[in-house]
Amino acid sequence: MLRDNDGIYGKNFIDRVDAMQIEQVATAPRSPWQNPHCESVIGSIRRECLNHVVVLGERHLHRILPEYVSYYHTARTHLPLGKDAPDHRPVVANDNGDIVAVPMVGGLHHKYIRSAA
């Protein structure tokens, strides 16, 4: 398990993870670049969602983030996945109808599908 040196990971947490026989690797202090995957996701959330939405409170944020996570996993392209989404999308033939934009994250992003012919 890769974790940072946050004080939230106290002795009780470390002891429990050790008891589960999970190897822990702590990043160096003040070194966020050592956790590139988390930094990448956090950056995507900030750039593609939170920078474009006025969050009205905690409840609003709790509604927006699951919508963005759904978009991130089902519709957003990822270059390391060959421009596919983490939840694989089947390739649809060109002759199966018109392309329709389905709004996601309150219309901030869209998923494109083919309508029935």
C-alpha atoms as a PDB file:
ATOM      1  CA  MET A   1       0.000   0.000   0.000  1.00  0.00           C
ATOM      2  CA  LEU A   2       1.395   3.350  -1.035  1.00  0.00           C
ATOM      3  CA  ARG A   3       0.510   6.119   1.411  1.00  0.00           C
ATOM      4  CA  ASP A   4       1.776   9.529   2.353  1.00  0.00           C
ATOM      5  CA  ASN A   5       3.069  10.639   5.739  1.00  0.00           C
ATOM      6  CA  ASP A   6      -0.137  12.336   6.847  1.00  0.00           C
ATOM      7  CA  GLY A   7      -0.780  12.279  10.578  1.00  0.00           C
ATOM      8  CA  ILE A   8      -4.063  10.504   9.881  1.00  0.00           C
ATOM      9  CA  TYR A   9      -2.048   7.290   9.554  1.00  0.00           C
ATOM     10  CA  GLY A  10      -1.346   6.859  13.244  1.00  0.00           C
ATOM     11  CA  LYS A  11       0.079   3.881  15.106  1.00  0.00           C
ATOM     12  CA  ASN A  12      -3.301   2.086  15.222  1.00  0.00           C
ATOM     13  CA  PHE A  13      -3.672   2.288  11.436  1.00  0.00           C
ATOM     14  CA  ILE A  14      -0.101   1.150  10.797  1.00  0.00           C
ATOM     15  CA  ASP A  15      -0.479  -1.771  13.246  1.00  0.00           C
ATOM     16  CA  ARG A  16      -3.721  -2.934  11.628  1.00  0.00           C
ATOM     17  CA  VAL A  17      -2.285  -2.814   8.119  1.00  0.00           C
ATOM     18  CA  ASP A  18       0.769  -4.745   9.333  1.00  0.00           C
ATOM     19  CA  ALA A  19      -1.538  -7.321  10.962  1.00  0.00           C
ATOM     20  CA  MET A  20      -3.207  -7.841   7.553  1.00  0.00           C
ATOM     21  CA  GLN A  21       0.287  -8.531   6.157  1.00  0.00           C
ATOM     22  CA  ILE A  22       0.075  -5.624   3.716  1.00  0.00           C
ATOM     23  CA  GLU A  23       3.390  -4.011   2.904  1.00  0.00           C
ATOM     24  CA  GLN A  24       3.316  -0.247   3.439  1.00  0.00           C
ATOM     25  CA  VAL A  25       5.419   2.215   1.510  1.00  0.00           C
ATOM     26  CA  ALA A  26       5.308   5.789   2.763  1.00  0.00           C
ATOM     27  CA  THR A  27       6.208   8.610   0.404  1.00  0.00           C
ATOM     28  CA  ALA A  28       8.873  11.079   1.409  1.00  0.00           C
ATOM     29  CA  PRO A  29       7.615  14.158   3.275  1.00  0.00           C
ATOM     30  CA  ARG A  30       6.397  16.995   1.009  1.00  0.00           C
ATOM     31  CA  SER A  31       6.767  14.830  -2.103  1.00  0.00           C
ATOM     32  CA  PRO A  32       3.401  14.601  -3.902  1.00  0.00           C
ATOM     33  CA  TRP A  33       5.122  13.672  -7.171  1.00  0.00           C
ATOM     34  CA  GLN A  34       5.810  10.247  -5.653  1.00  0.00           C
ATOM     35  CA  ASN A  35       2.142   9.345  -6.009  1.00  0.00           C
ATOM     36  CA  PRO A  36       1.474  10.154  -9.680  1.00  0.00           C
ATOM     37  CA  HIS A  37      -1.789   8.234 -10.097  1.00  0.00           C
ATOM     38  CA  CYS A  38      -3.559  10.005  -7.237  1.00  0.00           C
ATOM     39  CA  GLU A  39      -2.143  13.352  -8.308  1.00  0.00           C
ATOM     40  CA  SER A  40      -3.381  12.705 -11.859  1.00  0.00           C
ATOM     41  CA  VAL A  41      -6.926  11.903 -10.727  1.00  0.00           C
ATOM     42  CA  ILE A  42      -7.035  14.859  -8.353  1.00  0.00           C
ATOM     43  CA  GLY A  43      -5.800  17.130 -11.150  1.00  0.00           C
ATOM     44  CA  SER A  44      -8.448  15.781 -13.534  1.00  0.00           C
ATOM     45  CA  ILE A  45     -11.202  16.356 -10.982  1.00  0.00           C
ATOM     46  CA  ARG A  46      -9.997  19.906 -10.432  1.00  0.00           C
ATOM     47  CA  ARG A  47      -9.415  20.823 -14.101  1.00  0.00           C
ATOM     48  CA  GLU A  48     -12.428  19.074 -15.640  1.00  0.00           C
ATOM     49  CA  CYS A  49     -15.031  19.551 -12.928  1.00  0.00           C
ATOM     50  CA  LEU A  50     -14.397  21.809  -9.950  1.00  0.00           C
ATOM     51  CA  ASN A  51     -12.821  24.662 -11.939  1.00  0.00           C
ATOM     52  CA  HIS A  52     -16.105  24.960 -13.909  1.00  0.00           C
ATOM     53  CA  VAL A  53     -18.683  24.573 -11.144  1.00  0.00           C
ATOM     54  CA  VAL A  54     -19.622  26.859  -8.284  1.00  0.00           C
ATOM     55  CA  VAL A  55     -19.968  24.447  -5.376  1.00  0.00           C
ATOM     56  CA  LEU A  56     -22.779  25.644  -3.132  1.00  0.00           C
ATOM     57  CA  GLY A  57     -21.953  23.479  -0.142  1.00  0.00           C
ATOM     58  CA  GLU A  58     -20.939  20.036   1.037  1.00  0.00           C
ATOM     59  CA  ARG A  59     -24.195  18.379  -0.093  1.00  0.00           C
ATOM     60  CA  HIS A  60     -23.773  19.896  -3.546  1.00  0.00           C
ATOM     61  CA  LEU A  61     -20.194  18.621  -3.736  1.00  0.00           C
ATOM     62  CA  HIS A  62     -21.352  15.143  -2.679  1.00  0.00           C
ATOM     63  CA  ARG A  63     -23.806  15.209  -5.588  1.00  0.00           C
ATOM     64  CA  ILE A  64     -21.347  16.516  -8.200  1.00  0.00           C
ATOM     65  CA  LEU A  65     -18.404  14.211  -7.481  1.00  0.00           C
ATOM     66  CA  PRO A  66     -20.253  10.887  -8.026  1.00  0.00           C
ATOM     67  CA  GLU A  67     -21.557  12.259 -11.338  1.00  0.00           C
ATOM     68  CA  TYR A  68     -18.000  13.151 -12.374  1.00  0.00           C
ATOM     69  CA  VAL A  69     -16.697   9.728 -11.262  1.00  0.00           C
ATOM     70  CA  SER A  70     -19.369   8.066 -13.412  1.00  0.00           C
ATOM     71  CA  TYR A  71     -18.317  10.216 -16.391  1.00  0.00           C
ATOM     72  CA  TYR A  72     -14.627   9.529 -15.681  1.00  0.00           C
ATOM     73  CA  HIS A  73     -15.152   5.753 -15.715  1.00  0.00           C
ATOM     74  CA  THR A  74     -17.704   5.382 -18.502  1.00  0.00           C
ATOM     75  CA  ALA A  75     -17.232   8.168 -21.050  1.00  0.00           C
ATOM     76  CA  ARG A  76     -13.936  10.039 -20.621  1.00  0.00           C
ATOM     77  CA  THR A  77     -11.150   8.853 -22.900  1.00  0.00           C
ATOM     78  CA  HIS A  78      -7.823   7.856 -21.352  1.00  0.00           C
ATOM     79  CA  LEU A  79      -4.696   7.803 -23.515  1.00  0.00           C
ATOM     80  CA  PRO A  80      -3.002   4.937 -21.606  1.00  0.00           C
ATOM     81  CA  LEU A  81      -6.109   2.826 -22.310  1.00  0.00           C
ATOM     82  CA  GLY A  82      -5.938   3.428 -26.058  1.00  0.00           C
ATOM     83  CA  LYS A  83      -8.522   6.248 -25.861  1.00  0.00           C
ATOM     84  CA  ASP A  84     -11.006   3.950 -24.127  1.00  0.00           C
ATOM     85  CA  ALA A  85     -12.690   4.436 -20.763  1.00  0.00           C
ATOM     86  CA  PRO A  86     -11.852   2.327 -17.674  1.00  0.00           C
ATOM     87  CA  ASP A  87     -15.264   0.662 -18.080  1.00  0.00           C
ATOM     88  CA  HIS A  88     -14.717  -0.712 -21.596  1.00  0.00           C
ATOM     89  CA  ARG A  89     -17.008   0.682 -24.280  1.00  0.00           C
ATOM     90  CA  PRO A  90     -17.872  -1.547 -27.250  1.00  0.00           C
ATOM     91  CA  VAL A  91     -17.059  -0.246 -30.732  1.00  0.00           C
ATOM     92  CA  VAL A  92     -20.263   0.456 -32.659  1.00  0.00           C
ATOM     93  CA  ALA A  93     -20.492   0.246 -36.468  1.00  0.00           C
ATOM     94  CA  ASN A  94     -20.899   3.511 -38.396  1.00  0.00           C
ATOM     95  CA  ASP A  95     -24.265   2.529 -39.905  1.00  0.00           C
ATOM     96  CA  ASN A  96     -26.176   2.119 -36.635  1.00  0.00           C
ATOM     97  CA  GLY A  97     -27.883   5.538 -36.479  1.00  0.00           C
ATOM     98  CA  ASP A  98     -27.104   9.142 -35.671  1.00  0.00           C
ATOM     99  CA  ILE A  99     -24.690  10.241 -32.962  1.00  0.00           C
ATOM    100  CA  VAL A 100     -26.468  11.691 -29.925  1.00  0.00           C
ATOM    101  CA  ALA A 101     -24.823  13.690 -27.124  1.00  0.00           C
ATOM    102  CA  VAL A 102     -25.917  12.579 -23.649  1.00  0.00           C
ATOM    103  CA  PRO A 103     -25.196  15.287 -21.044  1.00  0.00           C
ATOM    104  CA  MET A 104     -23.235  14.216 -17.979  1.00  0.00           C
ATOM    105  CA  VAL A 105     -22.145  16.116 -14.855  1.00  0.00           C
ATOM    106  CA  GLY A 106     -25.008  18.574 -15.267  1.00  0.00           C
ATOM    107  CA  GLY A 107     -24.175  19.194 -18.940  1.00  0.00           C
ATOM    108  CA  LEU A 108     -20.540  20.050 -18.261  1.00  0.00           C
ATOM    109  CA  HIS A 109     -19.432  16.949 -20.209  1.00  0.00           C
ATOM    110  CA  HIS A 110     -21.142  14.640 -22.679  1.00  0.00           C
ATOM    111  CA  LYS A 111     -21.166  10.977 -23.589  1.00  0.00           C
ATOM    112  CA  TYR A 112     -21.721  10.286 -27.289  1.00  0.00           C
ATOM    113  CA  ILE A 113     -23.774   7.280 -28.364  1.00  0.00           C
ATOM    114  CA  ARG A 114     -25.482   6.144 -31.530  1.00  0.00           C
ATOM    115  CA  SER A 115     -29.267   6.278 -31.548  1.00  0.00           C
ATOM    116  CA  ALA A 116     -31.276   3.336 -32.839  1.00  0.00           C
ATOM    117  CA  ALA A 117     -31.545   3.392 -36.624  1.00  0.00           C
END
